[in-house]
Amino acid sequence: MQSEAVMQVHLEIPEDLAKQLAPEPGDLTRAAIEAVALEGVRSGKLTVSQGRRLLGLESRDEMDGFLKAHGVFLDLTLDDVRRDSDTAVAFSK
């Protein structure tokens, strides 16, 4: 599999707020990635498949569970499902 280019992002967050978001310092990065994925999918800027890739989740079921656990319920059309399937196939090659 071909390796992907990645972008690093630096955030400055007041320490008291960072502790509220993630009590353990190492968890803050994951919390930020989850927030980006959730908002990306919720707003339609990312497909469910792209959000799953961002989170490193293995299956669509895991992603559906993640979205449901965070109160994101999607009104998917057949075209949405086809597009997500096409995206998943393209990245599995």
N, C-alpha and C. Protein backbone atom coordinates (compact mmCIF):
# COMPACT_ATOMS: atom_id res chain seq x y z
N MET A 1 0.84 -1.18 0.00
CA MET A 1 0.00 0.00 0.00
C MET A 1 0.89 1.24 0.00
N GLN A 2 0.50 2.22 -0.74
CA GLN A 2 1.24 3.47 -0.85
C GLN A 2 1.00 4.31 0.41
N SER A 3 2.07 4.90 0.95
CA SER A 3 1.89 5.71 2.16
C SER A 3 1.29 7.06 1.78
N GLU A 4 0.48 7.59 2.69
CA GLU A 4 -0.19 8.85 2.46
C GLU A 4 0.63 10.01 3.00
N ALA A 5 0.53 11.14 2.35
CA ALA A 5 1.11 12.36 2.90
C ALA A 5 0.24 12.79 4.07
N VAL A 6 0.84 13.29 5.10
CA VAL A 6 0.08 13.75 6.27
C VAL A 6 0.44 15.19 6.58
N MET A 7 -0.45 15.87 7.27
CA MET A 7 -0.23 17.24 7.67
C MET A 7 -0.27 17.28 9.20
N GLN A 8 0.71 17.91 9.80
CA GLN A 8 0.70 18.10 11.25
C GLN A 8 0.10 19.46 11.55
N VAL A 9 -0.71 19.51 12.60
CA VAL A 9 -1.37 20.75 13.00
C VAL A 9 -0.99 21.02 14.45
N HIS A 10 -0.63 22.24 14.74
CA HIS A 10 -0.25 22.65 16.09
C HIS A 10 -1.38 23.50 16.66
N LEU A 11 -1.87 23.12 17.84
CA LEU A 11 -2.94 23.88 18.50
C LEU A 11 -2.44 24.40 19.83
N GLU A 12 -2.80 25.61 20.14
CA GLU A 12 -2.52 26.15 21.46
C GLU A 12 -3.85 26.29 22.19
N ILE A 13 -3.98 25.53 23.28
CA ILE A 13 -5.21 25.50 24.06
C ILE A 13 -4.85 25.81 25.50
N PRO A 14 -5.59 26.71 26.14
CA PRO A 14 -5.32 26.97 27.56
C PRO A 14 -5.34 25.66 28.36
N GLU A 15 -4.38 25.53 29.27
CA GLU A 15 -4.20 24.27 29.99
C GLU A 15 -5.45 23.81 30.73
N ASP A 16 -6.17 24.73 31.35
CA ASP A 16 -7.37 24.34 32.09
C ASP A 16 -8.44 23.76 31.16
N LEU A 17 -8.56 24.32 29.96
CA LEU A 17 -9.54 23.80 29.00
C LEU A 17 -9.08 22.47 28.42
N ALA A 18 -7.79 22.35 28.17
CA ALA A 18 -7.25 21.09 27.66
C ALA A 18 -7.52 19.96 28.64
N LYS A 19 -7.37 20.24 29.94
CA LYS A 19 -7.63 19.21 30.96
C LYS A 19 -9.11 18.83 31.01
N GLN A 20 -9.98 19.77 30.70
CA GLN A 20 -11.41 19.46 30.65
C GLN A 20 -11.72 18.56 29.46
N LEU A 21 -11.06 18.82 28.34
CA LEU A 21 -11.30 18.03 27.12
C LEU A 21 -10.73 16.63 27.22
N ALA A 22 -9.56 16.52 27.86
CA ALA A 22 -8.88 15.22 27.99
C ALA A 22 -8.02 15.25 29.24
N PRO A 23 -8.44 14.57 30.30
CA PRO A 23 -7.69 14.59 31.56
C PRO A 23 -6.23 14.12 31.42
N GLU A 24 -5.99 13.19 30.53
CA GLU A 24 -4.62 12.71 30.29
C GLU A 24 -4.05 13.47 29.10
N PRO A 25 -2.84 14.04 29.21
CA PRO A 25 -2.27 14.84 28.11
C PRO A 25 -2.22 14.11 26.77
N GLY A 26 -1.92 12.84 26.77
CA GLY A 26 -1.84 12.09 25.52
C GLY A 26 -3.18 11.90 24.84
N ASP A 27 -4.26 12.07 25.59
CA ASP A 27 -5.59 11.87 25.02
C ASP A 27 -6.09 13.09 24.26
N LEU A 28 -5.44 14.23 24.43
CA LEU A 28 -5.90 15.46 23.80
C LEU A 28 -5.82 15.38 22.27
N THR A 29 -4.77 14.78 21.76
CA THR A 29 -4.64 14.63 20.30
C THR A 29 -5.80 13.82 19.76
N ARG A 30 -6.12 12.70 20.42
CA ARG A 30 -7.23 11.85 19.96
C ARG A 30 -8.54 12.62 20.05
N ALA A 31 -8.74 13.37 21.13
CA ALA A 31 -9.98 14.14 21.28
C ALA A 31 -10.12 15.15 20.15
N ALA A 32 -9.02 15.78 19.76
CA ALA A 32 -9.06 16.77 18.67
C ALA A 32 -9.37 16.10 17.34
N ILE A 33 -8.76 14.95 17.09
CA ILE A 33 -9.03 14.23 15.84
C ILE A 33 -10.48 13.78 15.78
N GLU A 34 -11.00 13.29 16.91
CA GLU A 34 -12.41 12.87 16.95
C GLU A 34 -13.33 14.05 16.68
N ALA A 35 -13.02 15.20 17.25
CA ALA A 35 -13.85 16.40 17.05
C ALA A 35 -13.84 16.82 15.58
N VAL A 36 -12.67 16.77 14.95
CA VAL A 36 -12.57 17.13 13.53
C VAL A 36 -13.38 16.14 12.69
N ALA A 37 -13.24 14.86 12.97
CA ALA A 37 -13.98 13.84 12.20
C ALA A 37 -15.48 14.01 12.39
N LEU A 38 -15.92 14.20 13.62
CA LEU A 38 -17.36 14.36 13.89
C LEU A 38 -17.93 15.57 13.16
N GLU A 39 -17.27 16.71 13.29
CA GLU A 39 -17.78 17.92 12.65
C GLU A 39 -17.69 17.81 11.14
N GLY A 40 -16.63 17.19 10.64
CA GLY A 40 -16.49 17.00 9.20
C GLY A 40 -17.63 16.18 8.61
N VAL A 41 -17.96 15.08 9.28
CA VAL A 41 -19.07 14.23 8.80
C VAL A 41 -20.40 14.93 9.01
N ARG A 42 -20.58 15.53 10.18
CA ARG A 42 -21.85 16.22 10.49
C ARG A 42 -22.15 17.32 9.47
N SER A 43 -21.11 18.07 9.10
CA SER A 43 -21.30 19.20 8.19
C SER A 43 -21.32 18.79 6.71
N GLY A 44 -20.92 17.56 6.44
CA GLY A 44 -20.87 17.09 5.05
C GLY A 44 -19.56 17.40 4.36
N LYS A 45 -18.60 17.98 5.08
CA LYS A 45 -17.29 18.27 4.47
C LYS A 45 -16.47 16.99 4.30
N LEU A 46 -16.76 15.98 5.12
CA LEU A 46 -16.13 14.66 4.98
C LEU A 46 -17.22 13.62 4.79
N THR A 47 -16.94 12.63 3.99
CA THR A 47 -17.85 11.50 3.90
C THR A 47 -17.63 10.61 5.13
N VAL A 48 -18.54 9.70 5.36
CA VAL A 48 -18.38 8.77 6.48
C VAL A 48 -17.10 7.96 6.28
N SER A 49 -16.82 7.57 5.07
CA SER A 49 -15.61 6.81 4.78
C SER A 49 -14.35 7.63 5.08
N GLN A 50 -14.35 8.90 4.75
CA GLN A 50 -13.21 9.76 5.04
C GLN A 50 -13.05 9.96 6.55
N GLY A 51 -14.15 10.13 7.26
CA GLY A 51 -14.10 10.25 8.71
C GLY A 51 -13.54 8.98 9.35
N ARG A 52 -13.93 7.85 8.82
CA ARG A 52 -13.43 6.55 9.31
C ARG A 52 -11.93 6.45 9.10
N ARG A 53 -11.45 6.89 7.93
CA ARG A 53 -10.00 6.90 7.65
C ARG A 53 -9.26 7.79 8.63
N LEU A 54 -9.81 8.98 8.88
CA LEU A 54 -9.19 9.92 9.79
C LEU A 54 -9.05 9.32 11.19
N LEU A 55 -10.05 8.58 11.60
CA LEU A 55 -10.05 7.97 12.93
C LEU A 55 -9.29 6.65 12.99
N GLY A 56 -8.97 6.09 11.83
CA GLY A 56 -8.27 4.82 11.81
C GLY A 56 -9.15 3.64 12.19
N LEU A 57 -10.44 3.76 11.95
CA LEU A 57 -11.37 2.68 12.26
C LEU A 57 -11.39 1.68 11.12
N GLU A 58 -11.50 0.41 11.47
CA GLU A 58 -11.41 -0.68 10.49
C GLU A 58 -12.68 -0.89 9.67
N SER A 59 -13.84 -0.67 10.28
CA SER A 59 -15.06 -1.04 9.57
C SER A 59 -16.10 0.08 9.61
N ARG A 60 -17.04 -0.03 8.71
CA ARG A 60 -18.18 0.91 8.65
C ARG A 60 -19.01 0.78 9.92
N ASP A 61 -19.12 -0.46 10.45
CA ASP A 61 -19.88 -0.67 11.68
C ASP A 61 -19.26 0.09 12.85
N GLU A 62 -17.92 0.08 12.95
CA GLU A 62 -17.24 0.83 14.01
C GLU A 62 -17.54 2.32 13.87
N MET A 63 -17.51 2.81 12.64
CA MET A 63 -17.77 4.23 12.41
C MET A 63 -19.21 4.57 12.75
N ASP A 64 -20.13 3.73 12.34
CA ASP A 64 -21.54 3.97 12.67
C ASP A 64 -21.74 4.02 14.18
N GLY A 65 -21.07 3.11 14.91
CA GLY A 65 -21.16 3.10 16.37
C GLY A 65 -20.57 4.37 16.97
N PHE A 66 -19.44 4.81 16.42
CA PHE A 66 -18.79 6.04 16.89
C PHE A 66 -19.72 7.24 16.69
N LEU A 67 -20.29 7.34 15.50
CA LEU A 67 -21.19 8.46 15.21
C LEU A 67 -22.42 8.42 16.12
N LYS A 68 -23.00 7.25 16.27
CA LYS A 68 -24.18 7.11 17.12
C LYS A 68 -23.86 7.48 18.57
N ALA A 69 -22.70 7.03 19.07
CA ALA A 69 -22.29 7.33 20.44
C ALA A 69 -22.12 8.83 20.68
N HIS A 70 -21.85 9.57 19.59
CA HIS A 70 -21.65 11.01 19.70
C HIS A 70 -22.85 11.80 19.19
N GLY A 71 -23.98 11.13 19.03
CA GLY A 71 -25.22 11.80 18.66
C GLY A 71 -25.31 12.28 17.23
N VAL A 72 -24.52 11.66 16.35
CA VAL A 72 -24.57 12.03 14.93
C VAL A 72 -25.33 10.94 14.18
N PHE A 73 -26.51 11.30 13.72
CA PHE A 73 -27.35 10.37 12.97
C PHE A 73 -27.48 10.91 11.55
N LEU A 74 -27.11 10.10 10.59
CA LEU A 74 -27.07 10.56 9.21
C LEU A 74 -28.32 10.15 8.45
N ASP A 75 -28.76 11.04 7.60
CA ASP A 75 -29.88 10.76 6.71
C ASP A 75 -29.26 10.42 5.35
N LEU A 76 -28.86 9.17 5.21
CA LEU A 76 -28.14 8.75 4.00
C LEU A 76 -29.08 8.40 2.87
N THR A 77 -28.67 8.79 1.67
CA THR A 77 -29.39 8.38 0.47
C THR A 77 -28.63 7.23 -0.17
N LEU A 78 -29.22 6.59 -1.13
CA LEU A 78 -28.54 5.52 -1.85
C LEU A 78 -27.29 6.05 -2.54
N ASP A 79 -27.34 7.27 -3.06
CA ASP A 79 -26.17 7.88 -3.69
C ASP A 79 -25.03 8.07 -2.67
N ASP A 80 -25.37 8.44 -1.43
CA ASP A 80 -24.36 8.60 -0.38
C ASP A 80 -23.65 7.27 -0.12
N VAL A 81 -24.42 6.22 -0.01
CA VAL A 81 -23.85 4.90 0.25
C VAL A 81 -22.97 4.46 -0.92
N ARG A 82 -23.42 4.69 -2.13
CA ARG A 82 -22.61 4.33 -3.30
C ARG A 82 -21.30 5.12 -3.33
N ARG A 83 -21.36 6.41 -3.04
CA ARG A 83 -20.16 7.24 -3.03
C ARG A 83 -19.18 6.76 -1.96
N ASP A 84 -19.69 6.44 -0.76
CA ASP A 84 -18.83 5.92 0.29
C ASP A 84 -18.21 4.59 -0.11
N SER A 85 -18.99 3.75 -0.77
CA SER A 85 -18.47 2.46 -1.22
C SER A 85 -17.37 2.66 -2.28
N ASP A 86 -17.60 3.58 -3.20
CA ASP A 86 -16.60 3.87 -4.23
C ASP A 86 -15.30 4.40 -3.61
N THR A 87 -15.44 5.26 -2.59
CA THR A 87 -14.28 5.81 -1.90
C THR A 87 -13.52 4.70 -1.19
N ALA A 88 -14.24 3.82 -0.51
CA ALA A 88 -13.58 2.72 0.21
C ALA A 88 -12.84 1.79 -0.76
N VAL A 89 -13.45 1.49 -1.89
CA VAL A 89 -12.81 0.62 -2.89
C VAL A 89 -11.56 1.29 -3.44
N ALA A 90 -11.65 2.59 -3.73
CA ALA A 90 -10.50 3.31 -4.28
C ALA A 90 -9.32 3.30 -3.33
N PHE A 91 -9.56 3.41 -2.02
CA PHE A 91 -8.46 3.45 -1.07
C PHE A 91 -8.00 2.07 -0.63
N SER A 92 -8.72 1.03 -1.01
CA SER A 92 -8.29 -0.32 -0.66
C SER A 92 -7.33 -0.90 -1.69
N LYS A 93 -7.16 -0.19 -2.79
CA LYS A 93 -6.26 -0.68 -3.87
C LYS A 93 -4.85 -0.29 -3.61
